[in-house]
Each structure stands twice: as structure tokens, then as C-alpha cells.
Amino acid sequence: MRAKSGYLLITIVVLALDQLSKYWAFHSLKPVLSIEVIPGLFRFTYATNRGVAFSLFADSEFNVPVIFAVISLVAAILVLAYLIRTPGNNILGSAALSLLLAGIVGNLIDRVRLGEVIDFIDVHLAEKYTWPTFNVADSAICVGAILLAIEMIREERAARLRPVEGGQIGSAE
């Protein structure tokens, strides 16, 4: 478990950055709604989201915050369990799981506390091309998922090149 403390520290730091940035957004952006940082490209815009990514299910008549909070809690427990079971020398996989855990828990805190998630990072290209508003937790989830996919591809390739019984390389599948 000692080898995992660095990865849990990553989780705590990213989670703290997420919560502090949302606190800032709530207190500084909510009153003004938007601050242009790089004109025509990037601004901070206060927004909330009751749904999931890209506001999916935000207008559902079901009790979406509770449903997504339960799903998030289960996901966080599964990711934590997987992180604990991942070998300490698997740097990429452990870092990916740490980021996923931080992002899931960051948005879970919002869902439990507020019934919705605070978003504030707004990337756009001259208003013609706009990415949905997101937050630090969303970024951690995306980066963690990409790193995890890379790690899984690497593991799959390594497994195919590993010698098997009879001196052959990889599986015959």
C-alpha cells in the first residue's frame, strides 16, 4: 500500500484543485457569468449541469442527481479497488486510475452537495465551434480514460509478444 501513497496523493491534489476551482467559479463567476480570458478562444463561464457529459439527461423527469450520485459512488469504489490491486510498478495505469478517481469523486461531491455539477471552462473558436463547458474533474476523467486506454493497448501488445508454452509468441487467436 505504501507504493500507492503517491497515486493517492495525485488523487487528493487533483480533487482539491477541482473543488477549489469550483468554489472560485461559484463565488467569482456566478455573479458575472463570464470572463473572457483569450478573446475568441477561451473564457471562464459559470454553468451547472444536472446530467452527465454534455448535459445528457439533464432535463430528465427522473431524480437524475440521486441516480448519477449512486452510479458515481459505485464507479469510485470500483476504480479505487482497481487502483489498490494494480501493481505498484504500473505507473501509467496507476496514474490513470488516480485521475479517474479524482474526477469521479469531484463531480460526486457536487452532485451530493448541490444536486448538480459546476462547470466553468469554456473553449470556443470565434463562437463558431464551441466545446461544452467543463471543469477540472471532467478534465481529469478524460485524461485518466485516455491514459488507461493507452495502458490497456500496451498490455495487450505485450501479452501478444510474450512467449507461451511451446516456444511460440502470443496467442493463436
N, C-alpha and C. Protein backbone atom coordinates (compact mmCIF):
# COMPACT_ATOMS: atom_id res chain seq x y z
N MET A 1 0.83 -1.19 0.00
CA MET A 1 0.00 0.00 0.00
C MET A 1 0.87 1.26 0.00
N ARG A 2 2.08 1.13 0.54
CA ARG A 2 2.97 2.29 0.58
C ARG A 2 3.29 2.79 -0.82
N ALA A 3 3.43 1.85 -1.77
CA ALA A 3 3.72 2.23 -3.15
C ALA A 3 2.55 3.01 -3.76
N LYS A 4 1.38 2.85 -3.22
CA LYS A 4 0.18 3.53 -3.74
C LYS A 4 0.00 4.93 -3.17
N SER A 5 0.74 5.29 -2.15
CA SER A 5 0.52 6.58 -1.50
C SER A 5 0.75 7.76 -2.45
N GLY A 6 1.71 7.63 -3.36
CA GLY A 6 1.94 8.69 -4.35
C GLY A 6 0.75 8.88 -5.28
N TYR A 7 0.11 7.77 -5.63
CA TYR A 7 -1.04 7.85 -6.52
C TYR A 7 -2.27 8.39 -5.79
N LEU A 8 -2.39 8.05 -4.52
CA LEU A 8 -3.48 8.62 -3.73
C LEU A 8 -3.25 10.12 -3.52
N LEU A 9 -1.98 10.52 -3.43
CA LEU A 9 -1.66 11.94 -3.33
C LEU A 9 -2.08 12.67 -4.61
N ILE A 10 -1.85 12.05 -5.77
CA ILE A 10 -2.31 12.63 -7.05
C ILE A 10 -3.82 12.83 -6.99
N THR A 11 -4.53 11.82 -6.52
CA THR A 11 -5.99 11.90 -6.41
C THR A 11 -6.40 13.07 -5.51
N ILE A 12 -5.77 13.18 -4.37
CA ILE A 12 -6.13 14.24 -3.41
C ILE A 12 -5.82 15.62 -3.98
N VAL A 13 -4.67 15.79 -4.62
CA VAL A 13 -4.29 17.09 -5.19
C VAL A 13 -5.26 17.50 -6.29
N VAL A 14 -5.55 16.58 -7.22
CA VAL A 14 -6.48 16.91 -8.32
C VAL A 14 -7.88 17.18 -7.77
N LEU A 15 -8.30 16.40 -6.80
CA LEU A 15 -9.61 16.62 -6.17
C LEU A 15 -9.66 17.99 -5.49
N ALA A 16 -8.59 18.36 -4.80
CA ALA A 16 -8.53 19.68 -4.15
C ALA A 16 -8.57 20.80 -5.19
N LEU A 17 -7.80 20.65 -6.28
CA LEU A 17 -7.83 21.66 -7.35
C LEU A 17 -9.23 21.79 -7.94
N ASP A 18 -9.89 20.66 -8.13
CA ASP A 18 -11.25 20.68 -8.67
C ASP A 18 -12.19 21.45 -7.73
N GLN A 19 -12.17 21.10 -6.46
CA GLN A 19 -13.09 21.73 -5.52
C GLN A 19 -12.78 23.20 -5.29
N LEU A 20 -11.50 23.54 -5.23
CA LEU A 20 -11.12 24.96 -5.08
C LEU A 20 -11.52 25.78 -6.30
N SER A 21 -11.33 25.21 -7.49
CA SER A 21 -11.70 25.93 -8.71
C SER A 21 -13.22 26.10 -8.82
N LYS A 22 -13.97 25.12 -8.37
CA LYS A 22 -15.43 25.24 -8.37
C LYS A 22 -15.90 26.26 -7.33
N TYR A 23 -15.22 26.30 -6.20
CA TYR A 23 -15.52 27.31 -5.18
C TYR A 23 -15.30 28.70 -5.78
N TRP A 24 -14.16 28.86 -6.46
CA TRP A 24 -13.85 30.14 -7.11
C TRP A 24 -14.93 30.47 -8.15
N ALA A 25 -15.29 29.49 -8.97
CA ALA A 25 -16.30 29.73 -10.01
C ALA A 25 -17.62 30.15 -9.40
N PHE A 26 -18.02 29.47 -8.34
CA PHE A 26 -19.30 29.80 -7.70
C PHE A 26 -19.29 31.22 -7.15
N HIS A 27 -18.21 31.59 -6.48
CA HIS A 27 -18.18 32.90 -5.83
C HIS A 27 -17.75 34.05 -6.74
N SER A 28 -16.95 33.76 -7.76
CA SER A 28 -16.45 34.83 -8.62
C SER A 28 -17.14 34.91 -9.97
N LEU A 29 -17.51 33.77 -10.53
CA LEU A 29 -18.11 33.77 -11.86
C LEU A 29 -19.62 33.85 -11.85
N LYS A 30 -20.24 33.24 -10.86
CA LYS A 30 -21.70 33.22 -10.84
C LYS A 30 -22.29 34.64 -10.91
N PRO A 31 -21.73 35.59 -10.18
CA PRO A 31 -22.30 36.94 -10.26
C PRO A 31 -22.11 37.61 -11.63
N VAL A 32 -21.00 37.30 -12.32
CA VAL A 32 -20.73 37.98 -13.61
C VAL A 32 -20.99 37.08 -14.81
N LEU A 33 -21.17 35.78 -14.56
CA LEU A 33 -21.44 34.74 -15.56
C LEU A 33 -20.26 34.38 -16.44
N SER A 34 -19.47 35.35 -16.91
CA SER A 34 -18.41 35.01 -17.86
C SER A 34 -17.26 36.00 -17.79
N ILE A 35 -16.02 35.47 -17.93
CA ILE A 35 -14.82 36.30 -18.02
C ILE A 35 -14.03 35.82 -19.23
N GLU A 36 -13.87 36.68 -20.20
CA GLU A 36 -13.11 36.34 -21.41
C GLU A 36 -11.62 36.33 -21.05
N VAL A 37 -10.94 35.22 -21.30
CA VAL A 37 -9.52 35.09 -20.98
C VAL A 37 -8.69 35.30 -22.24
N ILE A 38 -8.99 34.55 -23.28
CA ILE A 38 -8.35 34.73 -24.59
C ILE A 38 -9.49 34.96 -25.58
N PRO A 39 -9.69 36.21 -26.01
CA PRO A 39 -10.83 36.52 -26.88
C PRO A 39 -10.89 35.61 -28.11
N GLY A 40 -12.09 35.10 -28.34
CA GLY A 40 -12.32 34.24 -29.49
C GLY A 40 -11.85 32.81 -29.32
N LEU A 41 -11.37 32.46 -28.09
CA LEU A 41 -10.86 31.10 -27.90
C LEU A 41 -11.21 30.50 -26.53
N PHE A 42 -11.05 31.26 -25.46
CA PHE A 42 -11.17 30.69 -24.12
C PHE A 42 -11.73 31.70 -23.14
N ARG A 43 -12.69 31.24 -22.34
CA ARG A 43 -13.25 32.09 -21.28
C ARG A 43 -13.70 31.20 -20.13
N PHE A 44 -13.89 31.82 -18.98
CA PHE A 44 -14.49 31.16 -17.85
C PHE A 44 -15.96 31.56 -17.84
N THR A 45 -16.84 30.57 -17.86
CA THR A 45 -18.28 30.82 -17.88
C THR A 45 -18.94 29.95 -16.83
N TYR A 46 -19.68 30.55 -15.93
CA TYR A 46 -20.36 29.77 -14.89
C TYR A 46 -21.54 29.03 -15.50
N ALA A 47 -21.58 27.72 -15.25
CA ALA A 47 -22.69 26.89 -15.72
C ALA A 47 -22.87 25.74 -14.74
N THR A 48 -24.06 25.19 -14.72
CA THR A 48 -24.31 24.00 -13.91
C THR A 48 -24.90 22.92 -14.80
N ASN A 49 -24.76 21.68 -14.36
CA ASN A 49 -25.20 20.55 -15.16
C ASN A 49 -25.79 19.49 -14.24
N ARG A 50 -27.07 19.20 -14.40
CA ARG A 50 -27.72 18.16 -13.61
C ARG A 50 -27.51 16.78 -14.23
N GLY A 51 -27.10 16.75 -15.49
CA GLY A 51 -26.95 15.48 -16.20
C GLY A 51 -25.52 14.97 -16.13
N VAL A 52 -25.14 14.30 -17.19
CA VAL A 52 -23.77 13.79 -17.31
C VAL A 52 -23.07 14.56 -18.42
N ALA A 53 -22.03 13.99 -18.99
CA ALA A 53 -21.25 14.67 -20.02
C ALA A 53 -22.15 15.28 -21.08
N PHE A 54 -21.82 16.50 -21.47
CA PHE A 54 -22.54 17.25 -22.50
C PHE A 54 -24.01 17.47 -22.13
N SER A 55 -24.30 17.48 -20.83
CA SER A 55 -25.65 17.71 -20.29
C SER A 55 -26.67 16.65 -20.68
N LEU A 56 -26.19 15.46 -21.02
CA LEU A 56 -27.12 14.37 -21.32
C LEU A 56 -27.98 14.08 -20.09
N PHE A 57 -29.26 13.89 -20.29
CA PHE A 57 -30.25 13.56 -19.26
C PHE A 57 -30.51 14.69 -18.27
N ALA A 58 -30.00 15.88 -18.54
CA ALA A 58 -30.19 17.00 -17.61
C ALA A 58 -31.65 17.38 -17.46
N ASP A 59 -32.45 17.18 -18.49
CA ASP A 59 -33.87 17.55 -18.45
C ASP A 59 -34.78 16.37 -18.16
N SER A 60 -34.21 15.27 -17.68
CA SER A 60 -35.00 14.08 -17.40
C SER A 60 -35.97 14.34 -16.26
N GLU A 61 -37.11 13.66 -16.30
CA GLU A 61 -38.08 13.82 -15.23
C GLU A 61 -37.77 12.93 -14.03
N PHE A 62 -36.79 12.05 -14.17
CA PHE A 62 -36.38 11.20 -13.06
C PHE A 62 -35.48 12.01 -12.11
N ASN A 63 -35.23 11.47 -10.93
CA ASN A 63 -34.37 12.13 -9.96
C ASN A 63 -32.91 11.89 -10.35
N VAL A 64 -32.48 12.58 -11.39
CA VAL A 64 -31.18 12.37 -12.01
C VAL A 64 -30.02 12.57 -11.03
N PRO A 65 -30.01 13.62 -10.21
CA PRO A 65 -28.86 13.80 -9.31
C PRO A 65 -28.62 12.60 -8.40
N VAL A 66 -29.68 12.01 -7.86
CA VAL A 66 -29.53 10.86 -6.98
C VAL A 66 -29.04 9.65 -7.77
N ILE A 67 -29.61 9.42 -8.94
CA ILE A 67 -29.21 8.28 -9.78
C ILE A 67 -27.73 8.40 -10.15
N PHE A 68 -27.30 9.58 -10.60
CA PHE A 68 -25.91 9.74 -11.00
C PHE A 68 -24.97 9.75 -9.81
N ALA A 69 -25.45 10.19 -8.66
CA ALA A 69 -24.61 10.13 -7.45
C ALA A 69 -24.35 8.68 -7.07
N VAL A 70 -25.36 7.83 -7.15
CA VAL A 70 -25.19 6.41 -6.83
C VAL A 70 -24.25 5.75 -7.84
N ILE A 71 -24.45 6.04 -9.12
CA ILE A 71 -23.57 5.48 -10.15
C ILE A 71 -22.13 5.95 -9.93
N SER A 72 -21.96 7.23 -9.60
CA SER A 72 -20.62 7.78 -9.34
C SER A 72 -19.98 7.13 -8.13
N LEU A 73 -20.75 6.90 -7.09
CA LEU A 73 -20.21 6.26 -5.89
C LEU A 73 -19.73 4.85 -6.19
N VAL A 74 -20.53 4.10 -6.92
CA VAL A 74 -20.15 2.73 -7.31
C VAL A 74 -18.89 2.77 -8.19
N ALA A 75 -18.86 3.69 -9.14
CA ALA A 75 -17.69 3.82 -10.02
C ALA A 75 -16.44 4.17 -9.22
N ALA A 76 -16.56 5.09 -8.26
CA ALA A 76 -15.42 5.50 -7.44
C ALA A 76 -14.89 4.31 -6.64
N ILE A 77 -15.79 3.52 -6.08
CA ILE A 77 -15.37 2.34 -5.30
C ILE A 77 -14.66 1.33 -6.20
N LEU A 78 -15.21 1.10 -7.39
CA LEU A 78 -14.57 0.16 -8.32
C LEU A 78 -13.20 0.65 -8.78
N VAL A 79 -13.08 1.93 -9.08
CA VAL A 79 -11.79 2.48 -9.52
C VAL A 79 -10.78 2.41 -8.37
N LEU A 80 -11.19 2.73 -7.16
CA LEU A 80 -10.30 2.64 -6.01
C LEU A 80 -9.83 1.20 -5.80
N ALA A 81 -10.75 0.25 -5.90
CA ALA A 81 -10.39 -1.16 -5.74
C ALA A 81 -9.40 -1.59 -6.81
N TYR A 82 -9.63 -1.15 -8.03
CA TYR A 82 -8.73 -1.49 -9.13
C TYR A 82 -7.36 -0.83 -8.92
N LEU A 83 -7.35 0.41 -8.43
CA LEU A 83 -6.09 1.10 -8.15
C LEU A 83 -5.30 0.35 -7.09
N ILE A 84 -5.96 -0.11 -6.05
CA ILE A 84 -5.29 -0.84 -4.97
C ILE A 84 -4.71 -2.15 -5.50
N ARG A 85 -5.41 -2.80 -6.42
CA ARG A 85 -4.96 -4.09 -6.96
C ARG A 85 -3.93 -3.96 -8.07
N THR A 86 -3.78 -2.76 -8.65
CA THR A 86 -2.82 -2.56 -9.75
C THR A 86 -1.40 -2.61 -9.19
N PRO A 87 -0.51 -3.35 -9.86
CA PRO A 87 0.88 -3.44 -9.37
C PRO A 87 1.52 -2.05 -9.26
N GLY A 88 2.33 -1.86 -8.25
CA GLY A 88 2.97 -0.58 -7.99
C GLY A 88 3.88 -0.11 -9.11
N ASN A 89 4.41 -1.05 -9.90
CA ASN A 89 5.30 -0.67 -11.00
C ASN A 89 4.53 -0.28 -12.26
N ASN A 90 3.22 -0.36 -12.22
CA ASN A 90 2.39 0.04 -13.36
C ASN A 90 2.08 1.53 -13.22
N ILE A 91 3.05 2.34 -13.59
CA ILE A 91 2.96 3.79 -13.38
C ILE A 91 1.82 4.41 -14.18
N LEU A 92 1.74 4.10 -15.46
CA LEU A 92 0.71 4.71 -16.31
C LEU A 92 -0.69 4.30 -15.86
N GLY A 93 -0.87 3.02 -15.59
CA GLY A 93 -2.19 2.55 -15.15
C GLY A 93 -2.60 3.14 -13.82
N SER A 94 -1.68 3.21 -12.88
CA SER A 94 -1.99 3.77 -11.57
C SER A 94 -2.28 5.27 -11.64
N ALA A 95 -1.51 5.99 -12.46
CA ALA A 95 -1.76 7.43 -12.62
C ALA A 95 -3.13 7.65 -13.27
N ALA A 96 -3.46 6.84 -14.27
CA ALA A 96 -4.76 6.95 -14.94
C ALA A 96 -5.90 6.72 -13.96
N LEU A 97 -5.78 5.69 -13.15
CA LEU A 97 -6.83 5.39 -12.17
C LEU A 97 -6.93 6.49 -11.11
N SER A 98 -5.79 7.08 -10.73
CA SER A 98 -5.81 8.19 -9.77
C SER A 98 -6.58 9.38 -10.32
N LEU A 99 -6.34 9.70 -11.59
CA LEU A 99 -7.06 10.81 -12.22
C LEU A 99 -8.55 10.50 -12.35
N LEU A 100 -8.87 9.28 -12.76
CA LEU A 100 -10.29 8.90 -12.85
C LEU A 100 -10.97 9.03 -11.50
N LEU A 101 -10.32 8.53 -10.46
CA LEU A 101 -10.90 8.59 -9.12
C LEU A 101 -11.12 10.04 -8.68
N ALA A 102 -10.14 10.89 -8.90
CA ALA A 102 -10.27 12.30 -8.52
C ALA A 102 -11.45 12.95 -9.25
N GLY A 103 -11.56 12.70 -10.55
CA GLY A 103 -12.64 13.30 -11.33
C GLY A 103 -14.01 12.80 -10.91
N ILE A 104 -14.11 11.51 -10.71
CA ILE A 104 -15.41 10.93 -10.31
C ILE A 104 -15.83 11.49 -8.95
N VAL A 105 -14.91 11.50 -8.00
CA VAL A 105 -15.25 11.99 -6.66
C VAL A 105 -15.52 13.50 -6.68
N GLY A 106 -14.77 14.25 -7.48
CA GLY A 106 -15.00 15.69 -7.57
C GLY A 106 -16.41 16.03 -8.03
N ASN A 107 -16.86 15.35 -9.07
CA ASN A 107 -18.23 15.61 -9.55
C ASN A 107 -19.27 15.00 -8.60
N LEU A 108 -18.92 13.89 -7.94
CA LEU A 108 -19.83 13.29 -6.96
C LEU A 108 -20.09 14.26 -5.80
N ILE A 109 -19.05 14.92 -5.33
CA ILE A 109 -19.21 15.90 -4.24
C ILE A 109 -20.23 16.97 -4.66
N ASP A 110 -20.11 17.47 -5.88
CA ASP A 110 -21.07 18.48 -6.36
C ASP A 110 -22.49 17.92 -6.39
N ARG A 111 -22.64 16.71 -6.91
CA ARG A 111 -23.98 16.12 -7.03
C ARG A 111 -24.63 15.95 -5.66
N VAL A 112 -23.86 15.51 -4.68
CA VAL A 112 -24.40 15.30 -3.34
C VAL A 112 -24.68 16.64 -2.66
N ARG A 113 -23.74 17.57 -2.79
CA ARG A 113 -23.85 18.86 -2.10
C ARG A 113 -24.85 19.80 -2.75
N LEU A 114 -24.86 19.85 -4.09
CA LEU A 114 -25.65 20.84 -4.81
C LEU A 114 -26.77 20.27 -5.67
N GLY A 115 -26.72 18.97 -5.95
CA GLY A 115 -27.70 18.37 -6.85
C GLY A 115 -27.35 18.59 -8.31
N GLU A 116 -26.20 19.19 -8.57
CA GLU A 116 -25.73 19.46 -9.93
C GLU A 116 -24.22 19.70 -9.88
N VAL A 117 -23.60 19.68 -11.05
CA VAL A 117 -22.15 19.86 -11.14
C VAL A 117 -21.85 21.27 -11.66
N ILE A 118 -20.87 21.93 -11.05
CA ILE A 118 -20.45 23.25 -11.51
C ILE A 118 -19.42 23.08 -12.62
N ASP A 119 -19.68 23.72 -13.75
CA ASP A 119 -18.75 23.76 -14.88
C ASP A 119 -18.38 25.21 -15.13
N PHE A 120 -17.17 25.45 -15.65
CA PHE A 120 -16.77 26.85 -15.86
C PHE A 120 -15.72 27.05 -16.95
N ILE A 121 -15.12 26.00 -17.47
CA ILE A 121 -14.10 26.14 -18.50
C ILE A 121 -14.79 26.08 -19.86
N ASP A 122 -14.66 27.14 -20.62
CA ASP A 122 -15.41 27.30 -21.86
C ASP A 122 -14.44 27.56 -23.02
N VAL A 123 -14.28 26.57 -23.88
CA VAL A 123 -13.39 26.68 -25.03
C VAL A 123 -14.24 26.82 -26.28
N HIS A 124 -13.88 27.80 -27.11
CA HIS A 124 -14.66 28.06 -28.32
C HIS A 124 -13.74 28.66 -29.37
N LEU A 125 -14.14 28.56 -30.60
CA LEU A 125 -13.37 29.17 -31.68
C LEU A 125 -14.27 30.18 -32.36
N ALA A 126 -14.11 31.43 -31.97
CA ALA A 126 -14.87 32.56 -32.53
C ALA A 126 -16.37 32.29 -32.53
N GLU A 127 -16.86 31.62 -31.49
CA GLU A 127 -18.28 31.30 -31.33
C GLU A 127 -18.82 30.35 -32.40
N LYS A 128 -18.01 29.99 -33.36
CA LYS A 128 -18.46 29.08 -34.42
C LYS A 128 -18.38 27.64 -33.97
N TYR A 129 -17.29 27.30 -33.32
CA TYR A 129 -17.09 25.95 -32.80
C TYR A 129 -16.96 26.05 -31.29
N THR A 130 -17.88 25.43 -30.58
CA THR A 130 -17.90 25.54 -29.12
C THR A 130 -17.87 24.16 -28.50
N TRP A 131 -16.97 23.98 -27.56
CA TRP A 131 -16.91 22.74 -26.79
C TRP A 131 -17.81 22.92 -25.58
N PRO A 132 -18.52 21.89 -25.13
CA PRO A 132 -19.36 22.05 -23.93
C PRO A 132 -18.52 22.49 -22.73
N THR A 133 -19.08 23.35 -21.91
CA THR A 133 -18.41 23.86 -20.73
C THR A 133 -18.09 22.68 -19.79
N PHE A 134 -16.89 22.70 -19.21
CA PHE A 134 -16.47 21.58 -18.36
C PHE A 134 -15.71 22.10 -17.14
N ASN A 135 -15.16 21.19 -16.34
CA ASN A 135 -14.45 21.57 -15.12
C ASN A 135 -13.18 20.73 -14.97
N VAL A 136 -12.46 20.92 -13.88
CA VAL A 136 -11.21 20.19 -13.64
C VAL A 136 -11.48 18.69 -13.50
N ALA A 137 -12.56 18.32 -12.82
CA ALA A 137 -12.89 16.90 -12.65
C ALA A 137 -13.15 16.24 -14.00
N ASP A 138 -13.87 16.92 -14.88
CA ASP A 138 -14.12 16.37 -16.23
C ASP A 138 -12.80 16.17 -16.97
N SER A 139 -11.89 17.13 -16.83
CA SER A 139 -10.58 17.01 -17.48
C SER A 139 -9.82 15.82 -16.94
N ALA A 140 -9.85 15.63 -15.62
CA ALA A 140 -9.16 14.50 -15.01
C ALA A 140 -9.73 13.18 -15.49
N ILE A 141 -11.05 13.11 -15.62
CA ILE A 141 -11.69 11.89 -16.11
C ILE A 141 -11.26 11.61 -17.55
N CYS A 142 -11.26 12.63 -18.39
CA CYS A 142 -10.88 12.44 -19.80
C CYS A 142 -9.41 12.03 -19.93
N VAL A 143 -8.52 12.72 -19.25
CA VAL A 143 -7.09 12.39 -19.32
C VAL A 143 -6.87 10.99 -18.73
N GLY A 144 -7.51 10.69 -17.61
CA GLY A 144 -7.38 9.37 -17.00
C GLY A 144 -7.87 8.27 -17.92
N ALA A 145 -8.99 8.50 -18.60
CA ALA A 145 -9.53 7.49 -19.52
C ALA A 145 -8.60 7.27 -20.70
N ILE A 146 -8.03 8.34 -21.23
CA ILE A 146 -7.09 8.22 -22.35
C ILE A 146 -5.84 7.46 -21.91
N LEU A 147 -5.29 7.81 -20.75
CA LEU A 147 -4.11 7.10 -20.24
C LEU A 147 -4.41 5.63 -19.98
N LEU A 148 -5.59 5.35 -19.46
CA LEU A 148 -5.98 3.97 -19.20
C LEU A 148 -6.11 3.18 -20.50
N ALA A 149 -6.67 3.81 -21.53
CA ALA A 149 -6.78 3.15 -22.83
C ALA A 149 -5.39 2.86 -23.40
N ILE A 150 -4.48 3.81 -23.28
CA ILE A 150 -3.10 3.60 -23.76
C ILE A 150 -2.47 2.43 -23.00
N GLU A 151 -2.65 2.39 -21.68
CA GLU A 151 -2.09 1.32 -20.88
C GLU A 151 -2.69 -0.04 -21.27
N MET A 152 -3.97 -0.08 -21.52
CA MET A 152 -4.61 -1.34 -21.92
C MET A 152 -4.10 -1.82 -23.28
N ILE A 153 -3.88 -0.89 -24.19
CA ILE A 153 -3.33 -1.25 -25.50
C ILE A 153 -1.91 -1.77 -25.34
N ARG A 154 -1.13 -1.11 -24.51
CA ARG A 154 0.25 -1.56 -24.24
C ARG A 154 0.26 -2.95 -23.63
N GLU A 155 -0.62 -3.21 -22.67
CA GLU A 155 -0.69 -4.53 -22.03
C GLU A 155 -1.09 -5.60 -23.04
N GLU A 156 -2.04 -5.26 -23.91
CA GLU A 156 -2.49 -6.22 -24.92
C GLU A 156 -1.35 -6.56 -25.88
N ARG A 157 -0.62 -5.57 -26.32
CA ARG A 157 0.52 -5.81 -27.22
C ARG A 157 1.59 -6.66 -26.53
N ALA A 158 1.88 -6.33 -25.28
CA ALA A 158 2.89 -7.09 -24.53
C ALA A 158 2.45 -8.55 -24.37
N ALA A 159 1.16 -8.77 -24.13
CA ALA A 159 0.65 -10.13 -23.97
C ALA A 159 0.79 -10.91 -25.28
N ARG A 160 0.57 -10.25 -26.41
CA ARG A 160 0.70 -10.94 -27.70
C ARG A 160 2.14 -11.30 -28.02
N LEU A 161 3.09 -10.51 -27.52
CA LEU A 161 4.50 -10.76 -27.80
C LEU A 161 5.17 -11.67 -26.78
N ARG A 162 4.48 -11.94 -25.68
CA ARG A 162 5.03 -12.77 -24.61
C ARG A 162 5.12 -14.23 -25.08
N PRO A 163 6.25 -14.88 -24.86
CA PRO A 163 6.36 -16.30 -25.24
C PRO A 163 5.38 -17.15 -24.44
N VAL A 164 4.80 -18.12 -25.11
CA VAL A 164 3.87 -19.04 -24.46
C VAL A 164 4.47 -20.44 -24.51
N GLU A 165 3.79 -21.38 -23.91
CA GLU A 165 4.27 -22.76 -23.90
C GLU A 165 4.51 -23.25 -25.32
N GLY A 166 5.58 -23.96 -25.53
CA GLY A 166 5.90 -24.47 -26.85
C GLY A 166 6.79 -23.54 -27.63
N GLY A 167 7.20 -22.41 -27.02
CA GLY A 167 8.13 -21.51 -27.67
C GLY A 167 7.53 -20.54 -28.66
N GLN A 168 6.21 -20.57 -28.84
CA GLN A 168 5.58 -19.62 -29.77
C GLN A 168 5.36 -18.29 -29.09
N ILE A 169 5.20 -17.28 -29.91
CA ILE A 169 4.95 -15.92 -29.37
C ILE A 169 3.45 -15.63 -29.49
N GLY A 170 2.88 -15.12 -28.40
CA GLY A 170 1.49 -14.68 -28.42
C GLY A 170 0.51 -15.82 -28.48
N SER A 171 -0.74 -15.49 -28.64
CA SER A 171 -1.81 -16.47 -28.71
C SER A 171 -2.15 -16.79 -30.15
N ALA A 172 -2.80 -17.89 -30.35
CA ALA A 172 -3.19 -18.33 -31.70
C ALA A 172 -4.56 -17.80 -32.08
N GLU A 173 -5.12 -16.94 -31.30
CA GLU A 173 -6.47 -16.42 -31.57
C GLU A 173 -6.51 -15.52 -32.75
